Amino acid sequence: MSDNIMDMNVMNMKQTVARAKASGINISEYTLRRAIKTKELPCKVIGRTYLIHWDSFLRWISCEQ
């Protein structure tokens, strides 16, 4: 990826998976989609793009919600 995903706070699904893997969190796009569909992981939808805030993702991963 051309942009540095480690400095981004809001990312799309693919960027979130890439940053998670770079941070040592092994998660699939399917798991993210399922968490969004069940409303476990909050996100914003712009058209067909799901935007996920990194802090929300970390809270979801660590079960802080």
PDB file of N, CA and C in Angstrom:
ATOM      1  N   MET A   1       0.833  -1.185   0.000  1.00  0.00           N
ATOM      2  CA  MET A   1       0.000   0.000   0.000  1.00  0.00           C
ATOM      3  C   MET A   1       0.871   1.239   0.000  1.00  0.00           C
ATOM      4  N   SER A   2       0.423   2.224  -0.727  1.00  0.00           N
ATOM      5  CA  SER A   2       1.231   3.432  -0.848  1.00  0.00           C
ATOM      6  C   SER A   2       1.156   4.306   0.406  1.00  0.00           C
ATOM      7  N   ASP A   3      -0.024   4.343   1.063  1.00  0.00           N
ATOM      8  CA  ASP A   3      -0.139   5.170   2.266  1.00  0.00           C
ATOM      9  C   ASP A   3       0.237   4.334   3.492  1.00  0.00           C
ATOM     10  N   ASN A   4       0.791   5.001   4.475  1.00  0.00           N
ATOM     11  CA  ASN A   4       1.253   4.315   5.673  1.00  0.00           C
ATOM     12  C   ASN A   4       0.066   4.032   6.592  1.00  0.00           C
ATOM     13  N   ILE A   5      -0.383   2.780   6.619  1.00  0.00           N
ATOM     14  CA  ILE A   5      -1.573   2.431   7.396  1.00  0.00           C
ATOM     15  C   ILE A   5      -1.339   2.501   8.898  1.00  0.00           C
ATOM     16  N   MET A   6      -0.090   2.479   9.324  1.00  0.00           N
ATOM     17  CA  MET A   6       0.187   2.537  10.752  1.00  0.00           C
ATOM     18  C   MET A   6      -0.107   3.932  11.329  1.00  0.00           C
ATOM     19  N   ASP A   7      -0.213   4.953  10.476  1.00  0.00           N
ATOM     20  CA  ASP A   7      -0.494   6.313  10.922  1.00  0.00           C
ATOM     21  C   ASP A   7      -1.963   6.699  10.766  1.00  0.00           C
ATOM     22  N   MET A   8      -2.774   5.808  10.201  1.00  0.00           N
ATOM     23  CA  MET A   8      -4.171   6.127   9.925  1.00  0.00           C
ATOM     24  C   MET A   8      -5.051   5.755  11.111  1.00  0.00           C
ATOM     25  N   ASN A   9      -6.084   6.556  11.364  1.00  0.00           N
ATOM     26  CA  ASN A   9      -7.046   6.264  12.423  1.00  0.00           C
ATOM     27  C   ASN A   9      -8.319   5.642  11.885  1.00  0.00           C
ATOM     28  N   VAL A  10      -8.730   6.032  10.685  1.00  0.00           N
ATOM     29  CA  VAL A  10      -9.935   5.503  10.072  1.00  0.00           C
ATOM     30  C   VAL A  10      -9.526   4.804   8.781  1.00  0.00           C
ATOM     31  N   MET A  11      -9.924   3.540   8.657  1.00  0.00           N
ATOM     32  CA  MET A  11      -9.497   2.736   7.514  1.00  0.00           C
ATOM     33  C   MET A  11     -10.661   1.933   6.962  1.00  0.00           C
ATOM     34  N   ASN A  12     -10.507   1.502   5.712  1.00  0.00           N
ATOM     35  CA  ASN A  12     -11.497   0.600   5.152  1.00  0.00           C
ATOM     36  C   ASN A  12     -11.190  -0.820   5.632  1.00  0.00           C
ATOM     37  N   MET A  13     -11.960  -1.782   5.189  1.00  0.00           N
ATOM     38  CA  MET A  13     -11.846  -3.153   5.668  1.00  0.00           C
ATOM     39  C   MET A  13     -10.461  -3.759   5.386  1.00  0.00           C
ATOM     40  N   LYS A  14      -9.987  -3.644   4.163  1.00  0.00           N
ATOM     41  CA  LYS A  14      -8.689  -4.220   3.791  1.00  0.00           C
ATOM     42  C   LYS A  14      -7.542  -3.572   4.558  1.00  0.00           C
ATOM     43  N   GLN A  15      -7.604  -2.265   4.734  1.00  0.00           N
ATOM     44  CA  GLN A  15      -6.562  -1.562   5.477  1.00  0.00           C
ATOM     45  C   GLN A  15      -6.565  -1.977   6.945  1.00  0.00           C
ATOM     46  N   THR A  16      -7.754  -2.179   7.511  1.00  0.00           N
ATOM     47  CA  THR A  16      -7.851  -2.606   8.907  1.00  0.00           C
ATOM     48  C   THR A  16      -7.235  -3.983   9.090  1.00  0.00           C
ATOM     49  N   VAL A  17      -7.524  -4.908   8.170  1.00  0.00           N
ATOM     50  CA  VAL A  17      -6.946  -6.253   8.240  1.00  0.00           C
ATOM     51  C   VAL A  17      -5.431  -6.182   8.104  1.00  0.00           C
ATOM     52  N   ALA A  18      -4.940  -5.360   7.174  1.00  0.00           N
ATOM     53  CA  ALA A  18      -3.492  -5.232   6.971  1.00  0.00           C
ATOM     54  C   ALA A  18      -2.813  -4.657   8.210  1.00  0.00           C
ATOM     55  N   ARG A  19      -3.410  -3.636   8.811  1.00  0.00           N
ATOM     56  CA  ARG A  19      -2.806  -3.038  10.008  1.00  0.00           C
ATOM     57  C   ARG A  19      -2.858  -4.009  11.179  1.00  0.00           C
ATOM     58  N   ALA A  20      -3.953  -4.744  11.304  1.00  0.00           N
ATOM     59  CA  ALA A  20      -4.060  -5.733  12.372  1.00  0.00           C
ATOM     60  C   ALA A  20      -2.972  -6.797  12.226  1.00  0.00           C
ATOM     61  N   LYS A  21      -2.787  -7.290  11.013  1.00  0.00           N
ATOM     62  CA  LYS A  21      -1.748  -8.301  10.790  1.00  0.00           C
ATOM     63  C   LYS A  21      -0.364  -7.737  11.064  1.00  0.00           C
ATOM     64  N   ALA A  22      -0.129  -6.475  10.697  1.00  0.00           N
ATOM     65  CA  ALA A  22       1.165  -5.840  10.975  1.00  0.00           C
ATOM     66  C   ALA A  22       1.364  -5.658  12.483  1.00  0.00           C
ATOM     67  N   SER A  23       0.272  -5.571  13.227  1.00  0.00           N
ATOM     68  CA  SER A  23       0.342  -5.407  14.686  1.00  0.00           C
ATOM     69  C   SER A  23       0.338  -6.742  15.418  1.00  0.00           C
ATOM     70  N   GLY A  24       0.301  -7.838  14.669  1.00  0.00           N
ATOM     71  CA  GLY A  24       0.316  -9.161  15.284  1.00  0.00           C
ATOM     72  C   GLY A  24      -1.052  -9.721  15.602  1.00  0.00           C
ATOM     73  N   ILE A  25      -2.107  -9.113  15.081  1.00  0.00           N
ATOM     74  CA  ILE A  25      -3.476  -9.591  15.300  1.00  0.00           C
ATOM     75  C   ILE A  25      -3.923 -10.285  14.018  1.00  0.00           C
ATOM     76  N   ASN A  26      -4.083 -11.578  14.073  1.00  0.00           N
ATOM     77  CA  ASN A  26      -4.470 -12.338  12.895  1.00  0.00           C
ATOM     78  C   ASN A  26      -5.990 -12.400  12.808  1.00  0.00           C
ATOM     79  N   ILE A  27      -6.565 -11.622  11.901  1.00  0.00           N
ATOM     80  CA  ILE A  27      -8.018 -11.558  11.739  1.00  0.00           C
ATOM     81  C   ILE A  27      -8.332 -11.512  10.253  1.00  0.00           C
ATOM     82  N   SER A  28      -9.444 -12.082   9.868  1.00  0.00           N
ATOM     83  CA  SER A  28      -9.817 -12.101   8.457  1.00  0.00           C
ATOM     84  C   SER A  28     -10.870 -11.036   8.156  1.00  0.00           C
ATOM     85  N   GLU A  29     -11.003 -10.737   6.886  1.00  0.00           N
ATOM     86  CA  GLU A  29     -12.034  -9.795   6.452  1.00  0.00           C
ATOM     87  C   GLU A  29     -13.424 -10.348   6.768  1.00  0.00           C
ATOM     88  N   TYR A  30     -13.568 -11.657   6.644  1.00  0.00           N
ATOM     89  CA  TYR A  30     -14.843 -12.309   6.939  1.00  0.00           C
ATOM     90  C   TYR A  30     -15.259 -12.061   8.388  1.00  0.00           C
ATOM     91  N   THR A  31     -14.321 -12.184   9.305  1.00  0.00           N
ATOM     92  CA  THR A  31     -14.611 -11.956  10.718  1.00  0.00           C
ATOM     93  C   THR A  31     -15.013 -10.506  10.969  1.00  0.00           C
ATOM     94  N   LEU A  32     -14.325  -9.571  10.310  1.00  0.00           N
ATOM     95  CA  LEU A  32     -14.703  -8.156  10.446  1.00  0.00           C
ATOM     96  C   LEU A  32     -16.110  -7.915   9.920  1.00  0.00           C
ATOM     97  N   ARG A  33     -16.414  -8.474   8.755  1.00  0.00           N
ATOM     98  CA  ARG A  33     -17.756  -8.300   8.177  1.00  0.00           C
ATOM     99  C   ARG A  33     -18.831  -8.847   9.104  1.00  0.00           C
ATOM    100  N   ARG A  34     -18.556 -10.007   9.697  1.00  0.00           N
ATOM    101  CA  ARG A  34     -19.520 -10.630  10.611  1.00  0.00           C
ATOM    102  C   ARG A  34     -19.717  -9.759  11.851  1.00  0.00           C
ATOM    103  N   ALA A  35     -18.639  -9.196  12.391  1.00  0.00           N
ATOM    104  CA  ALA A  35     -18.737  -8.330  13.569  1.00  0.00           C
ATOM    105  C   ALA A  35     -19.513  -7.049  13.252  1.00  0.00           C
ATOM    106  N   ILE A  36     -19.342  -6.531  12.055  1.00  0.00           N
ATOM    107  CA  ILE A  36     -20.078  -5.334  11.644  1.00  0.00           C
ATOM    108  C   ILE A  36     -21.554  -5.665  11.452  1.00  0.00           C
ATOM    109  N   LYS A  37     -21.835  -6.801  10.819  1.00  0.00           N
ATOM    110  CA  LYS A  37     -23.216  -7.201  10.562  1.00  0.00           C
ATOM    111  C   LYS A  37     -23.994  -7.417  11.858  1.00  0.00           C
ATOM    112  N   THR A  38     -23.334  -7.973  12.873  1.00  0.00           N
ATOM    113  CA  THR A  38     -24.000  -8.217  14.157  1.00  0.00           C
ATOM    114  C   THR A  38     -23.926  -7.004  15.084  1.00  0.00           C
ATOM    115  N   LYS A  39     -23.382  -5.903  14.574  1.00  0.00           N
ATOM    116  CA  LYS A  39     -23.273  -4.636  15.308  1.00  0.00           C
ATOM    117  C   LYS A  39     -22.342  -4.727  16.525  1.00  0.00           C
ATOM    118  N   GLU A  40     -21.425  -5.684  16.526  1.00  0.00           N
ATOM    119  CA  GLU A  40     -20.428  -5.779  17.592  1.00  0.00           C
ATOM    120  C   GLU A  40     -19.319  -4.752  17.388  1.00  0.00           C
ATOM    121  N   LEU A  41     -19.003  -4.482  16.125  1.00  0.00           N
ATOM    122  CA  LEU A  41     -17.946  -3.534  15.776  1.00  0.00           C
ATOM    123  C   LEU A  41     -18.576  -2.328  15.096  1.00  0.00           C
ATOM    124  N   PRO A  42     -18.537  -1.157  15.729  1.00  0.00           N
ATOM    125  CA  PRO A  42     -19.138   0.027  15.108  1.00  0.00           C
ATOM    126  C   PRO A  42     -18.313   0.503  13.915  1.00  0.00           C
ATOM    127  N   CYS A  43     -19.027   0.991  12.910  1.00  0.00           N
ATOM    128  CA  CYS A  43     -18.358   1.533  11.734  1.00  0.00           C
ATOM    129  C   CYS A  43     -19.288   2.526  11.053  1.00  0.00           C
ATOM    130  N   LYS A  44     -18.750   3.237  10.093  1.00  0.00           N
ATOM    131  CA  LYS A  44     -19.541   4.141   9.251  1.00  0.00           C
ATOM    132  C   LYS A  44     -19.567   3.545   7.860  1.00  0.00           C
ATOM    133  N   VAL A  45     -20.691   3.657   7.197  1.00  0.00           N
ATOM    134  CA  VAL A  45     -20.815   3.153   5.839  1.00  0.00           C
ATOM    135  C   VAL A  45     -20.976   4.344   4.908  1.00  0.00           C
ATOM    136  N   ILE A  46     -20.060   4.456   3.960  1.00  0.00           N
ATOM    137  CA  ILE A  46     -20.108   5.501   2.942  1.00  0.00           C
ATOM    138  C   ILE A  46     -20.213   4.779   1.598  1.00  0.00           C
ATOM    139  N   GLY A  47     -21.407   4.802   1.036  1.00  0.00           N
ATOM    140  CA  GLY A  47     -21.626   4.034  -0.194  1.00  0.00           C
ATOM    141  C   GLY A  47     -21.503   2.554   0.106  1.00  0.00           C
ATOM    142  N   ARG A  48     -20.513   1.904  -0.509  1.00  0.00           N
ATOM    143  CA  ARG A  48     -20.261   0.485  -0.257  1.00  0.00           C
ATOM    144  C   ARG A  48     -18.990   0.271   0.573  1.00  0.00           C
ATOM    145  N   THR A  49     -18.462   1.344   1.127  1.00  0.00           N
ATOM    146  CA  THR A  49     -17.216   1.275   1.886  1.00  0.00           C
ATOM    147  C   THR A  49     -17.507   1.341   3.378  1.00  0.00           C
ATOM    148  N   TYR A  50     -16.963   0.395   4.110  1.00  0.00           N
ATOM    149  CA  TYR A  50     -17.074   0.384   5.556  1.00  0.00           C
ATOM    150  C   TYR A  50     -15.829   1.037   6.138  1.00  0.00           C
ATOM    151  N   LEU A  51     -16.025   2.077   6.934  1.00  0.00           N
ATOM    152  CA  LEU A  51     -14.910   2.788   7.561  1.00  0.00           C
ATOM    153  C   LEU A  51     -14.867   2.433   9.042  1.00  0.00           C
ATOM    154  N   ILE A  52     -13.719   1.942   9.479  1.00  0.00           N
ATOM    155  CA  ILE A  52     -13.557   1.444  10.838  1.00  0.00           C
ATOM    156  C   ILE A  52     -12.512   2.295  11.545  1.00  0.00           C
ATOM    157  N   HIS A  53     -12.858   2.783  12.709  1.00  0.00           N
ATOM    158  CA  HIS A  53     -11.909   3.557  13.514  1.00  0.00           C
ATOM    159  C   HIS A  53     -11.006   2.571  14.248  1.00  0.00           C
ATOM    160  N   TRP A  54      -9.703   2.789  14.211  1.00  0.00           N
ATOM    161  CA  TRP A  54      -8.739   1.858  14.798  1.00  0.00           C
ATOM    162  C   TRP A  54      -8.975   1.659  16.298  1.00  0.00           C
ATOM    163  N   ASP A  55      -9.299   2.719  17.018  1.00  0.00           N
ATOM    164  CA  ASP A  55      -9.548   2.594  18.453  1.00  0.00           C
ATOM    165  C   ASP A  55     -10.773   1.717  18.730  1.00  0.00           C
ATOM    166  N   SER A  56     -11.803   1.838  17.909  1.00  0.00           N
ATOM    167  CA  SER A  56     -12.989   0.985  18.055  1.00  0.00           C
ATOM    168  C   SER A  56     -12.633  -0.473  17.792  1.00  0.00           C
ATOM    169  N   PHE A  57     -11.791  -0.687  16.797  1.00  0.00           N
ATOM    170  CA  PHE A  57     -11.347  -2.047  16.492  1.00  0.00           C
ATOM    171  C   PHE A  57     -10.587  -2.646  17.680  1.00  0.00           C
ATOM    172  N   LEU A  58      -9.678  -1.880  18.266  1.00  0.00           N
ATOM    173  CA  LEU A  58      -8.905  -2.373  19.401  1.00  0.00           C
ATOM    174  C   LEU A  58      -9.791  -2.657  20.609  1.00  0.00           C
ATOM    175  N   ARG A  59     -10.795  -1.805  20.842  1.00  0.00           N
ATOM    176  CA  ARG A  59     -11.732  -2.052  21.945  1.00  0.00           C
ATOM    177  C   ARG A  59     -12.519  -3.337  21.691  1.00  0.00           C
ATOM    178  N   TRP A  60     -12.929  -3.551  20.444  1.00  0.00           N
ATOM    179  CA  TRP A  60     -13.678  -4.760  20.099  1.00  0.00           C
ATOM    180  C   TRP A  60     -12.810  -5.999  20.277  1.00  0.00           C
ATOM    181  N   ILE A  61     -11.575  -5.946  19.822  1.00  0.00           N
ATOM    182  CA  ILE A  61     -10.665  -7.083  19.937  1.00  0.00           C
ATOM    183  C   ILE A  61     -10.405  -7.439  21.404  1.00  0.00           C
ATOM    184  N   SER A  62     -10.293  -6.421  22.243  1.00  0.00           N
ATOM    185  CA  SER A  62      -9.987  -6.681  23.653  1.00  0.00           C
ATOM    186  C   SER A  62     -11.258  -6.837  24.516  1.00  0.00           C
ATOM    187  N   CYS A  63     -12.427  -6.907  23.869  1.00  0.00           N
ATOM    188  CA  CYS A  63     -13.714  -7.136  24.546  1.00  0.00           C
ATOM    189  C   CYS A  63     -14.030  -6.070  25.592  1.00  0.00           C
ATOM    190  N   GLU A  64     -13.742  -4.818  25.274  1.00  0.00           N
ATOM    191  CA  GLU A  64     -14.011  -3.723  26.209  1.00  0.00           C
ATOM    192  C   GLU A  64     -15.367  -3.073  26.029  1.00  0.00           C
ATOM    193  N   GLN A  65     -16.167  -3.547  25.106  1.00  0.00           N
ATOM    194  CA  GLN A  65     -17.430  -2.864  24.851  1.00  0.00           C
ATOM    195  C   GLN A  65     -18.493  -3.265  25.808  1.00  0.00           C
TER     196      GLN A  65
END
